């Protein structure tokens, strides 16, 4: 059975090592579900061609679940979202094919009340089918 110290050591080893890219084919339904989840009307998120445009916060959901799933190998661990920084460069529209590049950029470990606590910074870069950078998302996950 894997314990938390093994997960922590594995995470530390992966710092600076790119995660295999993930490809998303953005479709209307994907954007519509996101708009519904954040309580937005999808009528204002259409371009002149009638395509749905993803809100600037859309990239926050791309790749994050894969990173958290990898970090959550031990069911007894608690994972908290610490912070998010998002830089948006280009709009994402239905029909785009996005490639997500993820990398753990920094890991800090501290002793907490319940034992070791790990602070993991990671970066997610999102590129469209023309390989243009659409956004960069930097997040902090706290694991104990």
N, C-alpha and C. Protein backbone atom coordinates (compact mmCIF):
# COMPACT_ATOMS: atom_id res chain seq x y z
N UNK A 1 0.84 -1.19 0.00
CA UNK A 1 0.00 0.00 0.00
C UNK A 1 0.88 1.25 0.00
N UNK A 2 0.50 2.24 -0.77
CA UNK A 2 1.24 3.49 -0.86
C UNK A 2 0.88 4.37 0.34
N UNK A 3 1.91 4.97 0.97
CA UNK A 3 1.60 5.89 2.07
C UNK A 3 1.94 7.31 1.64
N UNK A 4 1.59 8.28 2.48
CA UNK A 4 1.74 9.68 2.11
C UNK A 4 3.20 10.05 1.87
N UNK A 5 4.15 9.51 2.64
CA UNK A 5 5.55 9.87 2.44
C UNK A 5 6.04 9.42 1.05
N UNK A 6 5.55 8.28 0.57
CA UNK A 6 5.93 7.82 -0.77
C UNK A 6 5.37 8.75 -1.84
N UNK A 7 4.12 9.19 -1.67
CA UNK A 7 3.51 10.13 -2.61
C UNK A 7 4.30 11.44 -2.60
N UNK A 8 4.63 11.93 -1.41
CA UNK A 8 5.37 13.19 -1.29
C UNK A 8 6.72 13.10 -2.00
N UNK A 9 7.43 11.99 -1.82
CA UNK A 9 8.74 11.82 -2.46
C UNK A 9 8.59 11.75 -3.98
N UNK A 10 7.56 11.07 -4.44
CA UNK A 10 7.33 10.96 -5.88
C UNK A 10 7.02 12.33 -6.49
N UNK A 11 6.22 13.12 -5.80
CA UNK A 11 5.88 14.46 -6.28
C UNK A 11 7.15 15.31 -6.37
N UNK A 12 7.98 15.25 -5.36
CA UNK A 12 9.23 16.03 -5.36
C UNK A 12 10.11 15.65 -6.54
N UNK A 13 10.17 14.36 -6.87
CA UNK A 13 10.99 13.88 -8.00
C UNK A 13 10.47 14.43 -9.33
N UNK A 14 9.18 14.71 -9.42
CA UNK A 14 8.59 15.16 -10.69
C UNK A 14 8.66 16.67 -10.89
N UNK A 15 9.22 17.39 -9.91
CA UNK A 15 9.34 18.84 -10.04
C UNK A 15 10.20 19.18 -11.26
N UNK A 16 9.66 19.99 -12.14
CA UNK A 16 10.36 20.41 -13.34
C UNK A 16 10.26 19.44 -14.50
N UNK A 17 9.64 18.29 -14.29
CA UNK A 17 9.49 17.30 -15.35
C UNK A 17 8.12 17.48 -16.01
N UNK A 18 8.08 17.78 -17.31
CA UNK A 18 6.78 17.98 -17.97
C UNK A 18 5.91 16.73 -17.93
N UNK A 19 4.66 16.94 -17.67
CA UNK A 19 3.66 15.87 -17.70
C UNK A 19 3.33 15.61 -19.17
N UNK A 20 3.01 14.37 -19.56
CA UNK A 20 2.62 14.15 -20.96
C UNK A 20 1.46 15.06 -21.36
N UNK A 21 1.51 15.66 -22.55
CA UNK A 21 0.45 16.58 -22.98
C UNK A 21 -0.92 15.89 -23.02
N UNK A 22 -1.95 16.69 -22.77
CA UNK A 22 -3.33 16.23 -22.85
C UNK A 22 -4.01 17.05 -23.94
N UNK A 23 -4.75 16.38 -24.81
CA UNK A 23 -5.43 17.08 -25.91
C UNK A 23 -6.93 17.08 -25.64
N UNK A 24 -7.54 18.26 -25.78
CA UNK A 24 -8.98 18.43 -25.63
C UNK A 24 -9.53 18.97 -26.95
N UNK A 25 -10.59 18.36 -27.44
CA UNK A 25 -11.33 18.90 -28.57
C UNK A 25 -12.50 19.68 -27.97
N UNK A 26 -12.43 21.00 -28.08
CA UNK A 26 -13.45 21.85 -27.48
C UNK A 26 -14.69 21.82 -28.36
N UNK A 27 -15.80 21.47 -27.75
CA UNK A 27 -17.07 21.40 -28.48
C UNK A 27 -18.10 22.27 -27.76
N UNK A 28 -19.16 22.59 -28.48
CA UNK A 28 -20.20 23.45 -27.92
C UNK A 28 -20.67 22.96 -26.56
N UNK A 29 -20.95 21.67 -26.44
CA UNK A 29 -21.47 21.12 -25.19
C UNK A 29 -20.54 21.33 -24.02
N UNK A 30 -19.25 21.25 -24.27
CA UNK A 30 -18.24 21.46 -23.22
C UNK A 30 -18.32 22.90 -22.70
N UNK A 31 -18.40 23.85 -23.62
CA UNK A 31 -18.49 25.25 -23.22
C UNK A 31 -19.85 25.53 -22.57
N UNK A 32 -20.92 24.97 -23.13
CA UNK A 32 -22.26 25.18 -22.56
C UNK A 32 -22.34 24.68 -21.11
N UNK A 33 -21.76 23.50 -20.84
CA UNK A 33 -21.76 22.96 -19.46
C UNK A 33 -20.97 23.87 -18.53
N UNK A 34 -19.85 24.41 -19.03
CA UNK A 34 -19.06 25.32 -18.21
C UNK A 34 -19.85 26.59 -17.92
N UNK A 35 -20.50 27.15 -18.95
CA UNK A 35 -21.31 28.36 -18.76
C UNK A 35 -22.43 28.12 -17.75
N UNK A 36 -23.07 26.98 -17.85
CA UNK A 36 -24.14 26.64 -16.92
C UNK A 36 -23.59 26.53 -15.49
N UNK A 37 -22.43 25.90 -15.35
CA UNK A 37 -21.83 25.71 -14.02
C UNK A 37 -21.48 27.03 -13.35
N UNK A 38 -21.09 28.03 -14.15
CA UNK A 38 -20.74 29.32 -13.55
C UNK A 38 -21.89 30.33 -13.58
N UNK A 39 -23.05 29.87 -14.05
CA UNK A 39 -24.25 30.72 -14.03
C UNK A 39 -24.27 31.82 -15.08
N UNK A 40 -23.66 31.56 -16.23
CA UNK A 40 -23.61 32.55 -17.30
C UNK A 40 -24.61 32.22 -18.40
N UNK A 41 -25.12 33.24 -19.06
CA UNK A 41 -25.97 33.06 -20.24
C UNK A 41 -25.06 32.81 -21.43
N UNK A 42 -25.36 31.78 -22.23
CA UNK A 42 -24.47 31.50 -23.36
C UNK A 42 -24.72 32.41 -24.56
N UNK A 43 -25.72 33.29 -24.51
CA UNK A 43 -25.98 34.15 -25.67
C UNK A 43 -24.90 35.21 -25.83
N UNK A 44 -24.31 35.67 -24.76
CA UNK A 44 -23.27 36.70 -24.91
C UNK A 44 -21.89 36.10 -25.21
N UNK A 45 -21.80 34.79 -25.23
CA UNK A 45 -20.53 34.12 -25.49
C UNK A 45 -20.50 33.51 -26.88
N UNK A 46 -21.00 34.24 -27.86
CA UNK A 46 -20.95 33.78 -29.26
C UNK A 46 -20.21 34.83 -30.08
N UNK A 47 -19.41 34.35 -31.04
CA UNK A 47 -18.72 35.30 -31.91
C UNK A 47 -19.60 35.61 -33.13
N UNK A 48 -19.08 36.36 -34.07
CA UNK A 48 -19.86 36.77 -35.25
C UNK A 48 -20.25 35.59 -36.13
N UNK A 49 -19.54 34.48 -36.02
CA UNK A 49 -19.86 33.27 -36.80
C UNK A 49 -20.83 32.36 -36.06
N UNK A 50 -21.29 32.77 -34.89
CA UNK A 50 -22.21 31.96 -34.11
C UNK A 50 -21.54 30.89 -33.26
N UNK A 51 -20.21 30.82 -33.30
CA UNK A 51 -19.49 29.85 -32.48
C UNK A 51 -19.51 30.29 -31.02
N UNK A 52 -19.59 29.30 -30.13
CA UNK A 52 -19.47 29.61 -28.71
C UNK A 52 -18.02 29.97 -28.38
N UNK A 53 -17.88 30.99 -27.58
CA UNK A 53 -16.56 31.42 -27.09
C UNK A 53 -16.51 31.05 -25.61
N UNK A 54 -15.43 30.43 -25.20
CA UNK A 54 -15.28 30.07 -23.79
C UNK A 54 -14.91 31.32 -22.99
N UNK A 55 -15.50 31.49 -21.81
CA UNK A 55 -15.09 32.60 -20.94
C UNK A 55 -13.60 32.49 -20.61
N UNK A 56 -12.97 33.58 -20.25
CA UNK A 56 -11.53 33.54 -19.96
C UNK A 56 -11.15 32.55 -18.85
N UNK A 57 -12.08 32.23 -17.96
CA UNK A 57 -11.78 31.30 -16.86
C UNK A 57 -11.88 29.83 -17.26
N UNK A 58 -12.32 29.55 -18.47
CA UNK A 58 -12.49 28.17 -18.95
C UNK A 58 -11.24 27.30 -18.79
N UNK A 59 -10.03 27.82 -19.09
CA UNK A 59 -8.83 26.98 -18.96
C UNK A 59 -8.58 26.45 -17.54
N UNK A 60 -9.22 27.04 -16.55
CA UNK A 60 -9.02 26.57 -15.17
C UNK A 60 -9.41 25.10 -15.01
N UNK A 61 -10.35 24.63 -15.80
CA UNK A 61 -10.82 23.25 -15.65
C UNK A 61 -10.00 22.26 -16.47
N UNK A 62 -9.17 22.75 -17.35
CA UNK A 62 -8.43 21.86 -18.26
C UNK A 62 -7.14 21.38 -17.59
N UNK A 63 -7.01 20.10 -17.44
CA UNK A 63 -5.80 19.53 -16.89
C UNK A 63 -5.74 19.44 -15.38
N UNK A 64 -6.47 20.32 -14.68
CA UNK A 64 -6.41 20.35 -13.22
C UNK A 64 -6.84 19.01 -12.63
N UNK A 65 -7.91 18.42 -13.20
CA UNK A 65 -8.39 17.14 -12.67
C UNK A 65 -7.34 16.04 -12.81
N UNK A 66 -6.58 16.06 -13.90
CA UNK A 66 -5.53 15.05 -14.08
C UNK A 66 -4.43 15.22 -13.05
N UNK A 67 -4.06 16.45 -12.78
CA UNK A 67 -3.02 16.71 -11.79
C UNK A 67 -3.48 16.28 -10.40
N UNK A 68 -4.71 16.63 -10.04
CA UNK A 68 -5.23 16.26 -8.73
C UNK A 68 -5.39 14.75 -8.62
N UNK A 69 -5.82 14.10 -9.67
CA UNK A 69 -5.98 12.65 -9.66
C UNK A 69 -4.64 11.96 -9.39
N UNK A 70 -3.58 12.47 -10.00
CA UNK A 70 -2.26 11.91 -9.75
C UNK A 70 -1.81 12.13 -8.32
N UNK A 71 -2.14 13.30 -7.78
CA UNK A 71 -1.73 13.61 -6.41
C UNK A 71 -2.53 12.84 -5.38
N UNK A 72 -3.70 12.36 -5.77
CA UNK A 72 -4.62 11.72 -4.83
C UNK A 72 -4.51 10.19 -4.88
N UNK A 73 -3.27 9.68 -4.91
CA UNK A 73 -3.06 8.23 -4.95
C UNK A 73 -3.37 7.58 -3.62
N UNK A 74 -3.33 8.36 -2.54
CA UNK A 74 -3.61 7.83 -1.21
C UNK A 74 -4.95 8.42 -0.76
N UNK A 75 -5.99 7.59 -0.64
CA UNK A 75 -7.33 8.11 -0.31
C UNK A 75 -7.40 8.89 1.01
N UNK A 76 -6.48 8.62 1.93
CA UNK A 76 -6.54 9.30 3.23
C UNK A 76 -5.96 10.71 3.18
N UNK A 77 -5.32 11.09 2.07
CA UNK A 77 -4.77 12.43 1.95
C UNK A 77 -5.87 13.44 1.67
N UNK A 78 -5.67 14.64 2.18
CA UNK A 78 -6.57 15.75 1.89
C UNK A 78 -5.88 16.68 0.91
N UNK A 79 -6.58 17.07 -0.14
CA UNK A 79 -6.04 17.98 -1.14
C UNK A 79 -6.90 19.24 -1.14
N UNK A 80 -6.25 20.37 -0.95
CA UNK A 80 -6.94 21.66 -0.96
C UNK A 80 -6.41 22.52 -2.11
N UNK A 81 -7.29 23.33 -2.65
CA UNK A 81 -6.89 24.32 -3.66
C UNK A 81 -6.39 25.54 -2.90
N UNK A 82 -5.16 25.97 -3.19
CA UNK A 82 -4.57 27.10 -2.47
C UNK A 82 -4.75 28.43 -3.18
N UNK A 83 -4.43 28.47 -4.46
CA UNK A 83 -4.57 29.72 -5.21
C UNK A 83 -4.50 29.43 -6.70
N UNK A 84 -4.91 30.44 -7.48
CA UNK A 84 -4.87 30.36 -8.93
C UNK A 84 -4.49 31.71 -9.50
N UNK A 85 -3.62 31.69 -10.49
CA UNK A 85 -3.31 32.87 -11.29
C UNK A 85 -3.56 32.47 -12.74
N UNK A 86 -4.24 33.32 -13.47
CA UNK A 86 -4.57 32.99 -14.86
C UNK A 86 -4.20 34.15 -15.77
N UNK A 87 -3.46 33.84 -16.82
CA UNK A 87 -3.14 34.80 -17.87
C UNK A 87 -3.81 34.31 -19.15
N UNK A 88 -4.68 35.13 -19.73
CA UNK A 88 -5.36 34.77 -20.98
C UNK A 88 -4.80 35.60 -22.12
N UNK A 89 -4.48 34.93 -23.23
CA UNK A 89 -3.90 35.61 -24.37
C UNK A 89 -4.80 35.60 -25.60
N UNK A 90 -5.43 34.46 -25.87
CA UNK A 90 -6.29 34.33 -27.04
C UNK A 90 -7.60 33.66 -26.64
N UNK A 91 -8.70 34.01 -27.32
CA UNK A 91 -9.96 33.34 -27.00
C UNK A 91 -9.95 31.87 -27.42
N UNK A 92 -10.72 31.09 -26.70
CA UNK A 92 -10.93 29.67 -27.02
C UNK A 92 -12.35 29.56 -27.54
N UNK A 93 -12.51 28.94 -28.72
CA UNK A 93 -13.84 28.80 -29.31
C UNK A 93 -14.14 27.34 -29.58
N UNK A 94 -15.43 27.03 -29.68
CA UNK A 94 -15.85 25.67 -30.04
C UNK A 94 -15.20 25.32 -31.37
N UNK A 95 -14.68 24.12 -31.45
CA UNK A 95 -13.96 23.68 -32.64
C UNK A 95 -12.45 23.70 -32.46
N UNK A 96 -11.96 24.42 -31.44
CA UNK A 96 -10.53 24.43 -31.17
C UNK A 96 -10.07 23.07 -30.66
N UNK A 97 -8.84 22.75 -30.96
CA UNK A 97 -8.17 21.59 -30.36
C UNK A 97 -7.07 22.16 -29.49
N UNK A 98 -7.18 21.90 -28.20
CA UNK A 98 -6.24 22.47 -27.25
C UNK A 98 -5.29 21.40 -26.73
N UNK A 99 -4.03 21.77 -26.62
CA UNK A 99 -3.03 20.91 -26.01
C UNK A 99 -2.62 21.54 -24.70
N UNK A 100 -2.72 20.74 -23.65
CA UNK A 100 -2.42 21.20 -22.30
C UNK A 100 -1.06 20.63 -21.90
N UNK A 101 -0.17 21.53 -21.49
CA UNK A 101 1.15 21.14 -21.01
C UNK A 101 1.21 21.48 -19.52
N UNK A 102 1.48 20.47 -18.69
CA UNK A 102 1.51 20.69 -17.24
C UNK A 102 2.88 20.37 -16.69
N UNK A 103 3.24 21.08 -15.62
CA UNK A 103 4.51 20.82 -14.97
C UNK A 103 4.44 21.31 -13.52
N UNK A 104 4.92 20.48 -12.60
CA UNK A 104 5.08 20.92 -11.21
C UNK A 104 6.29 21.84 -11.20
N UNK A 105 6.11 23.06 -10.70
CA UNK A 105 7.20 24.04 -10.75
C UNK A 105 7.92 24.20 -9.41
N UNK A 106 7.24 23.86 -8.31
CA UNK A 106 7.87 24.04 -7.00
C UNK A 106 7.14 23.17 -5.98
N UNK A 107 7.89 22.61 -5.07
CA UNK A 107 7.31 21.82 -3.98
C UNK A 107 7.97 22.25 -2.68
N UNK A 108 7.14 22.57 -1.70
CA UNK A 108 7.64 22.90 -0.36
C UNK A 108 6.96 21.97 0.64
N UNK A 109 7.69 21.57 1.65
CA UNK A 109 7.15 20.67 2.65
C UNK A 109 7.32 21.31 4.02
N UNK A 110 6.26 21.22 4.83
CA UNK A 110 6.30 21.77 6.19
C UNK A 110 5.62 20.80 7.14
N UNK A 111 6.05 20.86 8.37
CA UNK A 111 5.40 20.07 9.41
C UNK A 111 4.16 20.83 9.85
N UNK A 112 3.01 20.15 9.86
CA UNK A 112 1.75 20.75 10.29
C UNK A 112 1.21 20.04 11.51
N UNK A 113 0.06 20.45 11.96
CA UNK A 113 -0.56 19.83 13.14
C UNK A 113 -0.88 18.36 12.92
N UNK A 114 -1.19 18.00 11.66
CA UNK A 114 -1.57 16.62 11.37
C UNK A 114 -0.43 15.84 10.70
N UNK A 115 0.77 16.40 10.69
CA UNK A 115 1.90 15.74 10.04
C UNK A 115 2.46 16.61 8.93
N UNK A 116 3.10 15.96 7.96
CA UNK A 116 3.71 16.70 6.86
C UNK A 116 2.64 17.30 5.95
N UNK A 117 2.90 18.53 5.52
CA UNK A 117 2.04 19.22 4.57
C UNK A 117 2.89 19.59 3.36
N UNK A 118 2.37 19.32 2.19
CA UNK A 118 3.07 19.60 0.94
C UNK A 118 2.36 20.73 0.20
N UNK A 119 3.13 21.73 -0.23
CA UNK A 119 2.62 22.85 -1.01
C UNK A 119 3.18 22.68 -2.42
N UNK A 120 2.31 22.42 -3.38
CA UNK A 120 2.73 22.11 -4.75
C UNK A 120 2.26 23.20 -5.70
N UNK A 121 3.22 23.87 -6.33
CA UNK A 121 2.90 24.83 -7.37
C UNK A 121 3.02 24.12 -8.71
N UNK A 122 2.02 24.31 -9.57
CA UNK A 122 2.12 23.75 -10.90
C UNK A 122 1.59 24.75 -11.92
N UNK A 123 2.05 24.57 -13.14
CA UNK A 123 1.71 25.48 -14.23
C UNK A 123 1.08 24.67 -15.35
N UNK A 124 0.02 25.22 -15.91
CA UNK A 124 -0.66 24.59 -17.04
C UNK A 124 -0.68 25.59 -18.19
N UNK A 125 -0.03 25.20 -19.29
CA UNK A 125 -0.03 26.04 -20.50
C UNK A 125 -1.00 25.43 -21.49
N UNK A 126 -1.79 26.28 -22.13
CA UNK A 126 -2.81 25.85 -23.07
C UNK A 126 -2.49 26.44 -24.44
N UNK A 127 -2.38 25.56 -25.44
CA UNK A 127 -2.09 26.00 -26.81
C UNK A 127 -3.20 25.49 -27.74
N UNK A 128 -3.52 26.31 -28.74
CA UNK A 128 -4.55 25.90 -29.71
C UNK A 128 -3.93 25.10 -30.85
N UNK A 129 -4.76 24.76 -31.83
CA UNK A 129 -4.31 23.92 -32.94
C UNK A 129 -3.24 24.59 -33.81
N UNK A 130 -3.09 25.90 -33.72
CA UNK A 130 -2.02 26.60 -34.42
C UNK A 130 -0.77 26.73 -33.54
N UNK A 131 -0.78 26.04 -32.39
CA UNK A 131 0.32 26.05 -31.42
C UNK A 131 0.50 27.42 -30.77
N UNK A 132 -0.55 28.25 -30.82
CA UNK A 132 -0.51 29.57 -30.19
C UNK A 132 -0.89 29.42 -28.72
N UNK A 133 -0.18 30.11 -27.88
CA UNK A 133 -0.45 30.09 -26.44
C UNK A 133 -1.75 30.85 -26.17
N UNK A 134 -2.75 30.15 -25.65
CA UNK A 134 -4.02 30.81 -25.34
C UNK A 134 -4.08 31.26 -23.88
N UNK A 135 -3.41 30.50 -22.99
CA UNK A 135 -3.44 30.88 -21.58
C UNK A 135 -2.36 30.13 -20.79
N UNK A 136 -2.04 30.72 -19.65
CA UNK A 136 -1.18 30.06 -18.67
C UNK A 136 -1.91 30.14 -17.34
N UNK A 137 -2.01 29.01 -16.68
CA UNK A 137 -2.68 28.93 -15.39
C UNK A 137 -1.66 28.40 -14.38
N UNK A 138 -1.45 29.14 -13.31
CA UNK A 138 -0.57 28.71 -12.23
C UNK A 138 -1.43 28.45 -10.99
N UNK A 139 -1.26 27.27 -10.42
CA UNK A 139 -2.08 26.90 -9.27
C UNK A 139 -1.24 26.35 -8.13
N UNK A 140 -1.81 26.41 -6.95
CA UNK A 140 -1.19 25.86 -5.76
C UNK A 140 -2.15 24.83 -5.16
N UNK A 141 -1.63 23.63 -4.92
CA UNK A 141 -2.40 22.60 -4.22
C UNK A 141 -1.68 22.33 -2.90
N UNK A 142 -2.47 22.12 -1.86
CA UNK A 142 -1.95 21.84 -0.52
C UNK A 142 -2.41 20.44 -0.15
N UNK A 143 -1.46 19.59 0.20
CA UNK A 143 -1.77 18.20 0.51
C UNK A 143 -1.27 17.88 1.92
N UNK A 144 -2.15 17.24 2.69
CA UNK A 144 -1.71 16.77 4.02
C UNK A 144 -2.42 15.47 4.36
